[in-house]
Amino acid sequence: MTNLSWIGSLWFALTNITGPFHVYLCGKVGYKWMLGVACILSGFSMMMASISSSIWHLYLTQGVLSGIASSLAWFPCISGPQQWFSSRRGLAVGLAISGSGIGGLVITNVIRAAIESVGYQWSLRILGFMQMGLLAISFLTVKQLNPIPRDVPLIDTSTFKNKSFWVLFSIHFIGNFAFYSPSSFVPSYAESLGLPSIISTNLSGVMSGLMVVGKITNGVLSDYIGRKNVTCMVTIMCGVVCLAVWYTAETAASLWAFVVLFGLFGGGYVTCVSSVIIECVGVELVESANGWLYFAWIFGGLFGQPISAAIIDHNGGSYKGAIIFGGVLFLFAGLMAALLRFMHSGPKLFVKA
């Protein structure tokens, strides 16, 4: 099981690790080539995975090749809506990002049914064709507003001079050490309370579904009352919900309350930390900022859950320490979001920012 878990870790790392090179790729080849290669490589990786006979084959196919394909698709699809929309940017980014949640819910069930019907090899091939079809839509629709000059450096550091960038970087870096733990540990937490297995197996799925709702609704809200305002609110509320609701949850009802609240605010966190980027660094630096900020996600994605698991083990199976760890990190990231708002809008509370 440990060997298999490295497939997902490789995929996650490679999806974000190309962030520092994103501007270079955009300048040299542009969105079309990136999405075209992603479309072909994504399907090819699943086809090769379907004929794999060793674990290292899966490392190369589902881990490395699929991760690179995801990276080539992810950055154009997250940067595009930020550039083309202004007054409805929160809604546009929320809808774009919600695709990951909807895809996770729908495709997971499709592949599970396919495995039972035709086996895992053909299921991987079906997944490959699905990915190619969906990425073909992105290839045809996602466009670059301002083409980047071809003579950009391999690693672009132009955003490093922007003070707002470093505050944003701290929000992305710190917040993502806490973000993935609730969906990962809530099912086992339910089991530790002695709740029925049907509840523990459905908690993460419901949370993912509610995150889709949270991504869109908070995106719309941010368009009306300000993206920095909502970024600050949802980040702090993620911490409050962890410390006030999850920490004290001892019954099925209280745990469901946490799942609902964290799904809504956690979805808003993902949308808002993305839609606020262009306001802080400007359209001319948005490609570089996206690359570096999502590069910051790697560390929390790789190490956040293991740290929480180590805290649980150290405390003899008690989740209290891990919940405090995640909640405090969210609150600290929320303070950074408040600082970002103060830098751009001053101390006035009731203004759109």
Protein backbone atom coordinates (compact mmCIF):
# COMPACT_ATOMS: atom_id res chain seq x y z
CA MET A 1 0.00 0.00 0.00
CA THR A 2 2.86 2.38 0.81
CA ASN A 3 4.40 1.72 -2.62
CA LEU A 4 1.10 2.47 -4.33
CA SER A 5 0.65 5.70 -2.39
CA TRP A 6 3.74 7.09 -4.10
CA ILE A 7 1.85 7.12 -7.40
CA GLY A 8 -0.52 9.80 -6.12
CA SER A 9 2.33 11.69 -4.46
CA LEU A 10 4.31 11.76 -7.71
CA TRP A 11 1.25 12.92 -9.62
CA PHE A 12 0.51 15.72 -7.14
CA ALA A 13 4.11 16.93 -7.02
CA LEU A 14 4.54 17.01 -10.80
CA THR A 15 1.17 18.71 -11.30
CA ASN A 16 2.47 21.72 -9.37
CA ILE A 17 6.26 21.48 -9.58
CA THR A 18 6.36 22.95 -13.10
CA GLY A 19 4.87 26.20 -11.76
CA PRO A 20 8.18 28.13 -11.80
CA PHE A 21 8.56 27.25 -15.51
CA HIS A 22 4.98 28.20 -16.43
CA VAL A 23 5.82 31.65 -17.82
CA TYR A 24 8.63 30.19 -19.92
CA LEU A 25 6.28 27.59 -21.41
CA CYS A 26 3.59 30.19 -22.09
CA GLY A 27 6.12 32.40 -23.85
CA LYS A 28 7.67 29.63 -25.92
CA VAL A 29 4.61 27.62 -26.96
CA GLY A 30 1.44 29.26 -25.57
CA TYR A 31 -1.78 27.79 -24.18
CA LYS A 32 -2.73 25.89 -27.32
CA TRP A 33 0.41 23.80 -27.48
CA MET A 34 0.36 23.20 -23.72
CA LEU A 35 -3.25 21.99 -23.77
CA GLY A 36 -2.72 19.98 -26.95
CA VAL A 37 0.25 18.13 -25.46
CA ALA A 38 -1.68 17.67 -22.20
CA CYS A 39 -4.59 16.13 -24.11
CA ILE A 40 -2.41 13.59 -25.91
CA LEU A 41 -0.09 12.85 -22.98
CA SER A 42 -2.99 12.38 -20.55
CA GLY A 43 -4.62 9.75 -22.75
CA PHE A 44 -1.28 8.10 -23.54
CA SER A 45 -0.39 7.81 -19.85
CA MET A 46 -3.62 5.93 -19.08
CA MET A 47 -3.19 3.64 -22.10
CA MET A 48 0.33 2.77 -20.97
CA ALA A 49 -0.85 2.29 -17.39
CA SER A 50 -3.42 -0.22 -18.64
CA ILE A 51 -0.66 -2.53 -19.92
CA SER A 52 1.69 -2.04 -16.97
CA SER A 53 3.01 -5.15 -15.28
CA SER A 54 5.22 -3.65 -12.52
CA ILE A 55 4.83 -0.97 -9.90
CA TRP A 56 7.54 1.19 -11.47
CA HIS A 57 5.54 1.19 -14.71
CA LEU A 58 2.71 2.89 -12.79
CA TYR A 59 5.18 5.36 -11.28
CA LEU A 60 6.14 6.41 -14.81
CA THR A 61 2.66 6.39 -16.33
CA GLN A 62 0.10 7.41 -13.70
CA GLY A 63 2.66 9.28 -11.63
CA VAL A 64 5.13 11.06 -13.93
CA LEU A 65 3.40 11.22 -17.35
CA SER A 66 -0.07 11.92 -15.96
CA GLY A 67 1.37 14.49 -13.54
CA ILE A 68 3.13 16.39 -16.33
CA ALA A 69 -0.05 16.28 -18.43
CA SER A 70 -2.08 17.65 -15.52
CA SER A 71 0.41 20.46 -15.01
CA LEU A 72 0.30 21.49 -18.66
CA ALA A 73 -3.51 21.62 -18.46
CA TRP A 74 -3.93 23.08 -14.96
CA PHE A 75 -2.03 26.35 -15.28
CA PRO A 76 -3.66 27.59 -18.53
CA CYS A 77 -7.11 26.62 -17.23
CA ILE A 78 -6.62 28.47 -13.92
CA SER A 79 -4.88 31.51 -15.46
CA GLY A 80 -7.29 31.97 -18.37
CA PRO A 81 -10.45 32.91 -16.41
CA GLN A 82 -8.43 35.28 -14.19
CA GLN A 83 -7.40 37.28 -17.28
CA TRP A 84 -10.64 37.42 -19.25
CA PHE A 85 -13.02 38.36 -16.43
CA SER A 86 -13.04 41.36 -14.10
CA SER A 87 -16.40 42.11 -12.43
CA ARG A 88 -17.38 38.41 -12.43
CA ARG A 89 -13.91 36.98 -11.91
CA GLY A 90 -14.87 35.17 -8.69
CA LEU A 91 -17.72 33.35 -10.42
CA ALA A 92 -15.55 32.49 -13.43
CA VAL A 93 -12.72 31.07 -11.30
CA GLY A 94 -15.20 29.29 -9.02
CA LEU A 95 -16.86 27.57 -11.95
CA ALA A 96 -13.50 26.62 -13.47
CA ILE A 97 -12.16 25.16 -10.21
CA SER A 98 -15.45 23.43 -9.38
CA GLY A 99 -14.79 21.13 -12.32
CA SER A 100 -12.22 19.27 -10.23
CA GLY A 101 -14.82 18.52 -7.57
CA ILE A 102 -17.53 17.55 -10.03
CA GLY A 103 -15.08 15.41 -11.98
CA GLY A 104 -13.94 13.69 -8.83
CA LEU A 105 -17.50 12.78 -7.89
CA VAL A 106 -18.67 11.72 -11.36
CA ILE A 107 -15.57 10.06 -12.79
CA THR A 108 -14.89 8.11 -9.58
CA ASN A 109 -18.30 6.45 -9.81
CA VAL A 110 -17.95 5.85 -13.55
CA ILE A 111 -14.57 4.15 -13.16
CA ARG A 112 -15.76 2.12 -10.17
CA ALA A 113 -18.65 0.78 -12.27
CA ALA A 114 -16.30 0.16 -15.22
CA ILE A 115 -13.87 -1.85 -13.05
CA GLU A 116 -16.73 -4.09 -11.91
CA SER A 117 -17.95 -4.47 -15.48
CA VAL A 118 -14.86 -4.68 -17.74
CA GLY A 119 -11.88 -4.86 -15.36
CA TYR A 120 -9.23 -2.33 -14.38
CA GLN A 121 -7.26 -2.41 -17.66
CA TRP A 122 -10.18 -1.34 -19.84
CA SER A 123 -11.26 1.05 -17.10
CA LEU A 124 -7.91 2.87 -17.42
CA ARG A 125 -8.39 3.04 -21.19
CA ILE A 126 -11.89 4.44 -20.76
CA LEU A 127 -10.46 7.01 -18.32
CA GLY A 128 -7.82 7.93 -20.89
CA PHE A 129 -10.43 8.53 -23.60
CA MET A 130 -12.53 10.59 -21.16
CA GLN A 131 -9.55 12.75 -20.26
CA MET A 132 -8.67 13.32 -23.90
CA GLY A 133 -12.23 14.31 -24.72
CA LEU A 134 -12.52 16.77 -21.86
CA LEU A 135 -9.09 18.29 -22.49
CA ALA A 136 -9.99 18.68 -26.17
CA ILE A 137 -12.75 21.05 -25.03
CA SER A 138 -10.16 23.05 -23.08
CA PHE A 139 -7.88 23.06 -26.12
CA LEU A 140 -10.65 24.65 -28.19
CA THR A 141 -11.92 27.17 -25.64
CA VAL A 142 -9.11 28.37 -23.34
CA LYS A 143 -7.28 31.36 -24.80
CA GLN A 144 -4.50 33.65 -23.62
CA LEU A 145 -5.46 37.34 -23.26
CA ASN A 146 -1.96 38.82 -23.41
CA PRO A 147 0.65 36.62 -25.14
CA ILE A 148 3.96 36.49 -23.28
CA PRO A 149 7.19 37.48 -25.10
CA ARG A 150 9.23 34.51 -26.29
CA ASP A 151 12.46 35.74 -24.71
CA VAL A 152 11.41 35.16 -21.08
CA PRO A 153 13.88 33.40 -18.74
CA LEU A 154 13.52 29.70 -17.89
CA ILE A 155 12.55 30.53 -14.29
CA ASP A 156 10.67 33.81 -13.98
CA THR A 157 11.20 35.71 -10.71
CA SER A 158 9.57 38.99 -11.68
CA THR A 159 6.86 38.63 -9.00
CA PHE A 160 9.44 38.40 -6.21
CA LYS A 161 9.64 42.21 -6.04
CA ASN A 162 5.90 42.44 -5.34
CA LYS A 163 5.14 42.59 -1.59
CA SER A 164 1.59 41.33 -2.06
CA PHE A 165 2.96 38.25 -3.78
CA TRP A 166 4.84 37.17 -0.65
CA VAL A 167 1.74 37.57 1.51
CA LEU A 168 -0.21 35.50 -1.02
CA PHE A 169 2.57 32.93 -1.04
CA SER A 170 2.33 32.57 2.74
CA ILE A 171 -1.45 32.05 2.51
CA HIS A 172 -1.07 29.31 -0.11
CA PHE A 173 1.89 27.71 1.66
CA ILE A 174 0.46 27.70 5.20
CA GLY A 175 -3.19 27.05 4.35
CA ASN A 176 -2.49 23.96 2.30
CA PHE A 177 -0.76 22.21 5.18
CA ALA A 178 -4.22 22.18 6.78
CA PHE A 179 -6.54 22.00 3.78
CA TYR A 180 -6.27 18.32 2.84
CA SER A 181 -6.49 16.81 6.33
CA PRO A 182 -10.25 17.14 6.99
CA SER A 183 -11.31 15.18 3.90
CA SER A 184 -8.62 12.57 4.61
CA PHE A 185 -9.17 12.06 8.34
CA VAL A 186 -12.90 12.68 8.85
CA PRO A 187 -13.85 9.10 7.81
CA SER A 188 -11.38 7.51 10.26
CA TYR A 189 -12.44 10.04 12.92
CA ALA A 190 -16.04 8.85 12.46
CA GLU A 191 -14.88 5.25 12.89
CA SER A 192 -13.05 6.20 16.09
CA LEU A 193 -16.37 7.52 17.44
CA GLY A 194 -18.00 4.17 16.68
CA LEU A 195 -20.33 5.58 14.02
CA PRO A 196 -21.79 3.21 11.38
CA SER A 197 -19.57 2.49 8.38
CA ILE A 198 -22.15 3.91 5.97
CA ILE A 199 -21.63 7.32 7.60
CA SER A 200 -17.84 7.21 7.54
CA THR A 201 -17.77 6.20 3.87
CA ASN A 202 -20.09 9.01 2.79
CA LEU A 203 -18.54 11.91 4.72
CA SER A 204 -15.72 12.69 2.28
CA GLY A 205 -18.00 12.39 -0.74
CA VAL A 206 -20.52 14.81 0.73
CA MET A 207 -17.72 17.20 1.69
CA SER A 208 -16.40 17.13 -1.89
CA GLY A 209 -19.86 17.82 -3.26
CA LEU A 210 -20.39 20.74 -0.91
CA MET A 211 -16.98 22.14 -1.86
CA VAL A 212 -18.31 22.47 -5.41
CA VAL A 213 -21.18 24.55 -4.02
CA GLY A 214 -18.78 26.55 -1.86
CA LYS A 215 -16.45 27.27 -4.76
CA ILE A 216 -19.24 28.78 -6.84
CA THR A 217 -21.27 30.57 -4.14
CA ASN A 218 -18.24 32.16 -2.48
CA GLY A 219 -16.94 33.14 -5.90
CA VAL A 220 -20.22 34.98 -6.58
CA LEU A 221 -20.16 36.54 -3.10
CA SER A 222 -16.59 37.78 -3.65
CA ASP A 223 -17.70 39.59 -6.82
CA TYR A 224 -20.18 41.62 -4.78
CA ILE A 225 -18.42 42.33 -1.47
CA GLY A 226 -14.78 42.05 -2.51
CA ARG A 227 -12.43 39.14 -3.15
CA LYS A 228 -9.97 40.04 -0.41
CA ASN A 229 -12.85 40.34 2.06
CA VAL A 230 -14.16 36.87 1.22
CA THR A 231 -10.66 35.36 1.10
CA CYS A 232 -10.08 36.59 4.64
CA MET A 233 -13.51 35.41 5.81
CA VAL A 234 -13.44 31.88 4.39
CA THR A 235 -9.85 31.21 5.49
CA ILE A 236 -10.55 32.27 9.07
CA MET A 237 -13.85 30.37 9.08
CA CYS A 238 -12.07 27.17 8.01
CA GLY A 239 -9.97 27.50 11.16
CA VAL A 240 -12.94 28.36 13.36
CA VAL A 241 -14.97 25.42 12.04
CA CYS A 242 -12.09 23.02 12.72
CA LEU A 243 -11.52 24.27 16.27
CA ALA A 244 -15.12 24.93 17.29
CA VAL A 245 -17.04 22.16 15.48
CA TRP A 246 -14.69 19.31 14.55
CA TYR A 247 -12.75 19.47 17.81
CA THR A 248 -15.95 19.08 19.83
CA ALA A 249 -17.75 16.66 17.48
CA GLU A 250 -18.79 13.52 19.36
CA THR A 251 -22.00 12.59 17.53
CA ALA A 252 -23.04 11.92 13.94
CA ALA A 253 -25.03 15.18 13.84
CA SER A 254 -22.11 17.33 14.97
CA LEU A 255 -19.76 15.62 12.53
CA TRP A 256 -22.19 16.17 9.67
CA ALA A 257 -22.37 19.82 10.71
CA PHE A 258 -18.60 20.05 10.37
CA VAL A 259 -18.65 18.37 6.96
CA VAL A 260 -21.28 20.82 5.68
CA LEU A 261 -19.55 23.92 7.05
CA PHE A 262 -16.02 22.93 6.03
CA GLY A 263 -17.24 21.91 2.59
CA LEU A 264 -18.76 25.34 2.01
CA PHE A 265 -15.93 27.40 3.50
CA GLY A 266 -13.16 25.10 2.21
CA GLY A 267 -14.54 25.35 -1.32
CA GLY A 268 -14.57 29.11 -0.94
CA TYR A 269 -10.95 29.05 0.20
CA VAL A 270 -9.85 27.31 -3.00
CA THR A 271 -11.73 29.76 -5.21
CA CYS A 272 -10.79 32.95 -3.39
CA VAL A 273 -7.05 32.36 -2.99
CA SER A 274 -7.06 31.93 -6.79
CA SER A 275 -9.38 34.75 -7.91
CA VAL A 276 -7.61 37.33 -5.72
CA ILE A 277 -4.20 36.79 -7.36
CA ILE A 278 -4.62 39.11 -10.34
CA GLU A 279 -5.90 41.94 -8.13
CA CYS A 280 -2.75 41.78 -6.05
CA VAL A 281 -0.05 41.41 -8.71
CA GLY A 282 -1.70 42.76 -11.86
CA VAL A 283 -2.47 41.10 -15.19
CA GLU A 284 1.14 41.41 -16.38
CA LEU A 285 2.42 39.20 -13.53
CA VAL A 286 -0.50 36.80 -13.15
CA GLU A 287 1.12 33.95 -15.11
CA SER A 288 4.30 34.10 -13.01
CA ALA A 289 2.33 34.45 -9.76
CA ASN A 290 0.10 31.48 -10.56
CA GLY A 291 3.11 29.33 -11.26
CA TRP A 292 4.87 30.13 -7.98
CA LEU A 293 1.75 30.15 -5.80
CA TYR A 294 0.59 26.73 -6.92
CA PHE A 295 4.15 25.50 -6.59
CA ALA A 296 3.69 26.38 -2.90
CA TRP A 297 0.86 23.83 -2.73
CA ILE A 298 3.33 20.97 -3.15
CA PHE A 299 4.64 21.14 0.40
CA GLY A 300 1.26 21.07 2.12
CA GLY A 301 -0.04 18.43 -0.26
CA LEU A 302 2.92 16.12 0.37
CA PHE A 303 3.61 16.73 4.06
CA GLY A 304 0.43 18.13 5.62
CA GLN A 305 -1.36 14.80 6.00
CA PRO A 306 1.71 12.84 7.19
CA ILE A 307 2.34 15.48 9.87
CA SER A 308 -1.28 15.24 11.02
CA ALA A 309 -1.07 11.44 11.01
CA ALA A 310 2.13 11.59 13.08
CA ILE A 311 0.40 13.86 15.61
CA ILE A 312 -2.49 11.39 15.85
CA ASP A 313 -0.11 8.48 16.39
CA HIS A 314 1.92 10.43 18.96
CA ASN A 315 -1.28 11.14 20.92
CA GLY A 316 -2.29 7.48 21.01
CA GLY A 317 -4.94 7.75 18.31
CA SER A 318 -6.51 10.99 19.56
CA TYR A 319 -7.37 13.44 16.79
CA LYS A 320 -7.47 16.52 19.04
CA GLY A 321 -3.86 17.58 18.44
CA ALA A 322 -4.14 17.19 14.67
CA ILE A 323 -7.38 19.21 14.63
CA ILE A 324 -5.73 22.01 16.62
CA PHE A 325 -2.74 21.89 14.26
CA GLY A 326 -4.95 22.35 11.18
CA GLY A 327 -7.22 24.93 12.78
CA VAL A 328 -4.35 27.13 13.98
CA LEU A 329 -2.70 27.00 10.54
CA PHE A 330 -5.94 28.14 8.91
CA LEU A 331 -6.24 30.99 11.41
CA PHE A 332 -2.66 32.06 10.73
CA ALA A 333 -3.32 31.97 6.98
CA GLY A 334 -6.45 34.03 7.67
CA LEU A 335 -4.35 36.63 9.45
CA MET A 336 -2.13 36.80 6.37
CA ALA A 337 -5.28 37.31 4.27
CA ALA A 338 -6.31 40.13 6.62
CA LEU A 339 -2.86 41.69 6.20
CA LEU A 340 -3.25 41.45 2.41
CA ARG A 341 -6.58 43.26 2.64
CA PHE A 342 -5.08 45.95 4.90
CA MET A 343 -2.19 46.49 2.46
CA HIS A 344 -4.59 47.18 -0.41
CA SER A 345 -7.61 48.79 1.29
CA GLY A 346 -6.47 50.17 4.63
CA PRO A 347 -8.18 49.71 8.00
CA LYS A 348 -11.75 50.46 6.89
CA LEU A 349 -13.89 47.39 7.54
CA PHE A 350 -17.08 47.98 5.56
CA VAL A 351 -15.69 48.60 2.10
CA LYS A 352 -15.51 46.38 -0.95
CA ALA A 353 -11.95 45.08 -1.14
